[in-house]
N, C-alpha and C. Protein backbone atom coordinates (compact mmCIF):
# COMPACT_ATOMS: atom_id res chain seq x y z
N UNK A 1 -10.69 -3.76 -1.26
CA UNK A 1 -9.59 -4.69 -1.15
C UNK A 1 -10.14 -6.04 -0.71
N UNK A 2 -9.86 -7.07 -1.43
CA UNK A 2 -10.33 -8.38 -1.01
C UNK A 2 -9.39 -8.99 0.01
N UNK A 3 -9.97 -9.78 0.93
CA UNK A 3 -9.15 -10.46 1.92
C UNK A 3 -8.60 -9.56 3.00
N UNK A 4 -9.22 -8.41 3.21
CA UNK A 4 -8.71 -7.52 4.23
C UNK A 4 -9.79 -6.60 4.76
N UNK A 5 -9.37 -5.67 5.60
CA UNK A 5 -10.28 -4.72 6.20
C UNK A 5 -9.69 -3.33 6.00
N UNK A 6 -10.50 -2.39 5.52
CA UNK A 6 -10.02 -1.03 5.26
C UNK A 6 -10.69 -0.04 6.20
N UNK A 7 -9.97 1.02 6.50
CA UNK A 7 -10.52 2.14 7.26
C UNK A 7 -9.94 3.41 6.67
N UNK A 8 -10.71 4.48 6.70
CA UNK A 8 -10.26 5.73 6.11
C UNK A 8 -9.70 6.65 7.19
N UNK A 9 -8.53 7.21 6.92
CA UNK A 9 -7.88 8.14 7.84
C UNK A 9 -8.49 9.53 7.67
N UNK A 10 -8.32 10.42 8.65
CA UNK A 10 -8.87 11.77 8.55
C UNK A 10 -8.39 12.55 7.32
N UNK A 11 -7.18 12.25 6.83
CA UNK A 11 -6.66 12.97 5.67
C UNK A 11 -7.16 12.40 4.35
N UNK A 12 -8.01 11.37 4.40
CA UNK A 12 -8.56 10.78 3.18
C UNK A 12 -7.81 9.55 2.70
N UNK A 13 -6.64 9.29 3.26
CA UNK A 13 -5.91 8.07 2.90
C UNK A 13 -6.67 6.87 3.44
N UNK A 14 -6.51 5.73 2.81
CA UNK A 14 -7.16 4.52 3.28
C UNK A 14 -6.08 3.55 3.75
N UNK A 15 -6.25 3.02 4.95
CA UNK A 15 -5.33 2.05 5.52
C UNK A 15 -6.06 0.73 5.60
N UNK A 16 -5.43 -0.33 5.15
CA UNK A 16 -6.08 -1.63 5.22
C UNK A 16 -5.09 -2.68 5.69
N UNK A 17 -5.64 -3.73 6.29
CA UNK A 17 -4.87 -4.90 6.70
C UNK A 17 -5.24 -6.02 5.77
N UNK A 18 -4.25 -6.69 5.23
CA UNK A 18 -4.47 -7.75 4.25
C UNK A 18 -3.81 -9.03 4.72
N UNK A 19 -4.56 -10.13 4.67
CA UNK A 19 -3.95 -11.43 4.97
C UNK A 19 -3.01 -11.78 3.82
N UNK A 20 -1.91 -12.41 4.16
CA UNK A 20 -0.94 -12.77 3.13
C UNK A 20 -0.69 -14.28 3.17
N UNK A 21 -0.49 -14.90 2.01
CA UNK A 21 -0.28 -16.34 1.97
C UNK A 21 1.14 -16.77 2.34
N UNK A 22 2.10 -15.84 2.27
CA UNK A 22 3.48 -16.18 2.52
C UNK A 22 3.71 -16.49 4.00
N UNK A 23 4.71 -17.31 4.27
CA UNK A 23 5.07 -17.56 5.66
C UNK A 23 5.78 -16.32 6.21
N UNK A 24 5.87 -16.24 7.50
CA UNK A 24 6.46 -15.08 8.15
C UNK A 24 7.93 -14.97 7.79
N UNK A 25 8.33 -13.80 7.27
CA UNK A 25 9.73 -13.53 6.97
C UNK A 25 10.20 -12.26 7.68
N UNK A 26 9.26 -11.48 8.17
CA UNK A 26 9.58 -10.25 8.88
C UNK A 26 8.79 -10.27 10.19
N UNK A 27 8.74 -9.16 10.86
CA UNK A 27 8.10 -9.08 12.17
C UNK A 27 6.59 -9.30 12.14
N UNK A 28 5.89 -8.73 11.18
CA UNK A 28 4.44 -8.83 11.22
C UNK A 28 3.91 -9.92 10.29
N UNK A 29 2.74 -10.47 10.63
CA UNK A 29 2.14 -11.55 9.86
C UNK A 29 0.98 -11.06 9.01
N UNK A 30 0.63 -9.81 9.10
CA UNK A 30 -0.33 -9.19 8.20
C UNK A 30 0.41 -8.08 7.48
N UNK A 31 -0.04 -7.78 6.32
CA UNK A 31 0.58 -6.69 5.57
C UNK A 31 -0.30 -5.46 5.72
N UNK A 32 0.30 -4.39 6.16
CA UNK A 32 -0.40 -3.12 6.26
C UNK A 32 -0.30 -2.45 4.90
N UNK A 33 -1.43 -2.01 4.40
CA UNK A 33 -1.46 -1.34 3.11
C UNK A 33 -1.96 0.08 3.24
N UNK A 34 -1.37 0.97 2.50
CA UNK A 34 -1.78 2.36 2.48
C UNK A 34 -2.26 2.70 1.08
N UNK A 35 -3.49 3.15 0.99
CA UNK A 35 -4.03 3.67 -0.26
C UNK A 35 -4.10 5.18 -0.07
N UNK A 36 -3.09 5.92 -0.55
CA UNK A 36 -3.01 7.36 -0.27
C UNK A 36 -4.06 8.15 -1.02
N UNK A 37 -4.25 9.40 -0.61
CA UNK A 37 -5.15 10.29 -1.33
C UNK A 37 -4.40 11.07 -2.40
N UNK A 38 -3.12 10.78 -2.57
CA UNK A 38 -2.29 11.36 -3.63
C UNK A 38 -1.83 10.21 -4.52
N UNK A 39 -1.28 10.48 -5.70
CA UNK A 39 -0.81 9.38 -6.54
C UNK A 39 0.21 8.50 -5.79
N UNK A 40 0.11 7.19 -6.05
CA UNK A 40 0.97 6.21 -5.37
C UNK A 40 2.45 6.57 -5.47
N UNK A 41 2.92 6.92 -6.66
CA UNK A 41 4.34 7.18 -6.84
C UNK A 41 4.80 8.40 -6.03
N UNK A 42 3.92 9.40 -5.88
CA UNK A 42 4.28 10.57 -5.07
C UNK A 42 4.41 10.16 -3.61
N UNK A 43 3.52 9.29 -3.13
CA UNK A 43 3.60 8.83 -1.74
C UNK A 43 4.88 8.01 -1.53
N UNK A 44 5.23 7.16 -2.49
CA UNK A 44 6.44 6.34 -2.37
C UNK A 44 7.69 7.22 -2.37
N UNK A 45 7.66 8.33 -3.08
CA UNK A 45 8.80 9.26 -3.05
C UNK A 45 8.93 9.92 -1.68
N UNK A 46 7.81 10.08 -0.96
CA UNK A 46 7.80 10.77 0.32
C UNK A 46 8.27 9.88 1.49
N UNK A 47 7.96 8.60 1.45
CA UNK A 47 8.19 7.76 2.63
C UNK A 47 9.66 7.51 2.98
N UNK A 48 10.62 7.53 2.06
CA UNK A 48 12.02 7.39 2.51
C UNK A 48 12.45 8.50 3.48
N UNK A 49 11.84 9.67 3.37
CA UNK A 49 12.15 10.74 4.32
C UNK A 49 11.67 10.38 5.72
N UNK A 50 10.79 9.39 5.83
CA UNK A 50 10.30 8.92 7.12
C UNK A 50 11.05 7.66 7.56
N UNK A 51 12.20 7.41 6.95
CA UNK A 51 13.06 6.26 7.24
C UNK A 51 12.49 4.93 6.79
N UNK A 52 11.63 4.93 5.79
CA UNK A 52 11.15 3.68 5.21
C UNK A 52 12.06 3.30 4.05
N UNK A 53 12.15 2.01 3.79
CA UNK A 53 13.01 1.49 2.73
C UNK A 53 12.17 0.67 1.77
N UNK A 54 12.37 0.89 0.46
CA UNK A 54 11.66 0.09 -0.54
C UNK A 54 12.26 -1.31 -0.53
N UNK A 55 11.37 -2.32 -0.38
CA UNK A 55 11.80 -3.72 -0.40
C UNK A 55 11.58 -4.35 -1.76
N UNK A 56 10.35 -4.23 -2.27
CA UNK A 56 9.99 -4.87 -3.53
C UNK A 56 9.01 -3.99 -4.29
N UNK A 57 9.26 -3.80 -5.56
CA UNK A 57 8.33 -3.08 -6.42
C UNK A 57 7.45 -4.12 -7.11
N UNK A 58 6.19 -4.19 -6.71
CA UNK A 58 5.26 -5.17 -7.26
C UNK A 58 4.20 -4.51 -8.15
N UNK A 59 4.58 -3.39 -8.79
CA UNK A 59 3.66 -2.77 -9.73
C UNK A 59 3.60 -3.63 -10.98
N UNK A 60 2.39 -3.84 -11.47
CA UNK A 60 2.18 -4.62 -12.68
C UNK A 60 2.18 -3.71 -13.89
N UNK A 61 2.39 -4.27 -15.09
CA UNK A 61 2.41 -3.44 -16.31
C UNK A 61 1.13 -2.62 -16.50
N UNK A 62 -0.01 -3.12 -15.99
CA UNK A 62 -1.26 -2.37 -16.14
C UNK A 62 -1.42 -1.29 -15.07
N UNK A 63 -0.43 -1.12 -14.18
CA UNK A 63 -0.48 -0.09 -13.15
C UNK A 63 -1.01 -0.58 -11.82
N UNK A 64 -1.58 -1.77 -11.78
CA UNK A 64 -2.07 -2.30 -10.52
C UNK A 64 -0.88 -2.76 -9.68
N UNK A 65 -1.17 -3.36 -8.56
CA UNK A 65 -0.10 -3.82 -7.67
C UNK A 65 0.35 -2.71 -6.75
N UNK A 66 1.42 -2.93 -6.06
CA UNK A 66 1.90 -1.94 -5.10
C UNK A 66 3.39 -2.04 -4.90
N UNK A 67 3.86 -1.26 -3.96
CA UNK A 67 5.27 -1.23 -3.63
C UNK A 67 5.39 -1.58 -2.16
N UNK A 68 6.16 -2.62 -1.85
CA UNK A 68 6.35 -3.04 -0.47
C UNK A 68 7.55 -2.31 0.11
N UNK A 69 7.33 -1.76 1.29
CA UNK A 69 8.38 -1.04 2.00
C UNK A 69 8.51 -1.60 3.41
N UNK A 70 9.56 -1.20 4.11
CA UNK A 70 9.74 -1.53 5.52
C UNK A 70 9.97 -0.24 6.28
N UNK A 71 9.29 -0.12 7.41
CA UNK A 71 9.48 1.03 8.27
C UNK A 71 10.77 0.90 9.05
N UNK A 72 11.11 1.89 9.87
CA UNK A 72 12.36 1.88 10.62
C UNK A 72 12.50 0.69 11.56
N UNK A 73 11.40 0.11 12.02
CA UNK A 73 11.44 -1.04 12.91
C UNK A 73 11.42 -2.37 12.15
N UNK A 74 11.40 -2.30 10.81
CA UNK A 74 11.41 -3.51 10.00
C UNK A 74 10.05 -4.06 9.64
N UNK A 75 8.97 -3.38 10.01
CA UNK A 75 7.63 -3.84 9.67
C UNK A 75 7.30 -3.49 8.23
N UNK A 76 6.80 -4.48 7.49
CA UNK A 76 6.49 -4.28 6.08
C UNK A 76 5.13 -3.63 5.90
N UNK A 77 5.01 -2.82 4.86
CA UNK A 77 3.73 -2.25 4.46
C UNK A 77 3.77 -1.99 2.96
N UNK A 78 2.60 -1.89 2.36
CA UNK A 78 2.50 -1.66 0.92
C UNK A 78 1.81 -0.33 0.65
N UNK A 79 2.21 0.32 -0.43
CA UNK A 79 1.52 1.51 -0.91
C UNK A 79 0.92 1.11 -2.26
N UNK A 80 -0.40 1.27 -2.37
CA UNK A 80 -1.11 0.93 -3.60
C UNK A 80 -1.67 2.20 -4.24
N UNK A 81 -2.30 2.05 -5.40
CA UNK A 81 -2.84 3.21 -6.09
C UNK A 81 -3.97 3.88 -5.32
N UNK A 82 -4.10 5.17 -5.52
CA UNK A 82 -5.19 5.93 -4.91
C UNK A 82 -6.50 5.62 -5.65
N UNK A 83 -7.62 5.98 -5.02
CA UNK A 83 -8.92 5.82 -5.68
C UNK A 83 -8.95 6.54 -7.01
N UNK A 84 -8.37 7.75 -7.07
CA UNK A 84 -8.38 8.52 -8.31
C UNK A 84 -7.63 7.78 -9.42
N UNK A 85 -6.48 7.19 -9.08
CA UNK A 85 -5.72 6.44 -10.08
C UNK A 85 -6.48 5.20 -10.54
N UNK A 86 -7.13 4.53 -9.58
CA UNK A 86 -7.90 3.34 -9.93
C UNK A 86 -9.10 3.70 -10.79
N UNK A 87 -9.73 4.84 -10.50
CA UNK A 87 -10.88 5.29 -11.30
C UNK A 87 -10.45 5.58 -12.74
N UNK A 88 -9.29 6.20 -12.90
CA UNK A 88 -8.77 6.48 -14.24
C UNK A 88 -8.52 5.20 -15.03
N UNK A 89 -8.18 4.12 -14.32
CA UNK A 89 -7.93 2.83 -14.96
C UNK A 89 -9.21 2.04 -15.15
N UNK A 90 -10.36 2.59 -14.71
CA UNK A 90 -11.62 1.91 -14.88
C UNK A 90 -11.92 0.87 -13.82
N UNK A 91 -11.19 0.90 -12.69
CA UNK A 91 -11.44 -0.04 -11.61
C UNK A 91 -12.50 0.50 -10.68
N UNK A 92 -13.17 -0.38 -9.96
CA UNK A 92 -14.14 0.03 -8.94
C UNK A 92 -13.37 0.60 -7.77
N UNK A 93 -13.81 1.75 -7.25
CA UNK A 93 -13.12 2.39 -6.12
C UNK A 93 -14.00 2.40 -4.89
N UNK A 94 -13.37 2.72 -3.75
CA UNK A 94 -14.09 2.87 -2.50
C UNK A 94 -14.48 1.57 -1.83
N UNK A 95 -13.80 0.46 -2.15
CA UNK A 95 -14.12 -0.83 -1.53
C UNK A 95 -13.47 -0.94 -0.19
């Protein structure tokens, strides 16, 4: 991920912090991103059960991009494609 810092969780998911160019509109000034170890769409189906709300779907026609959600406290985060999905699309993984 460019412009951010990633760390891998024990379950294999990757969490990263990304600087954003937009001015503050919500509580946090960095965007937390989750790169799950399962397909992105499956993870997005799971998070509403954790009281998260989809804010913006920023998936691009080529499958890149992500989905911005807000947690119960209003903090925004994004779910992006997994390494496996990116590898299938021919993108470099594990950055």
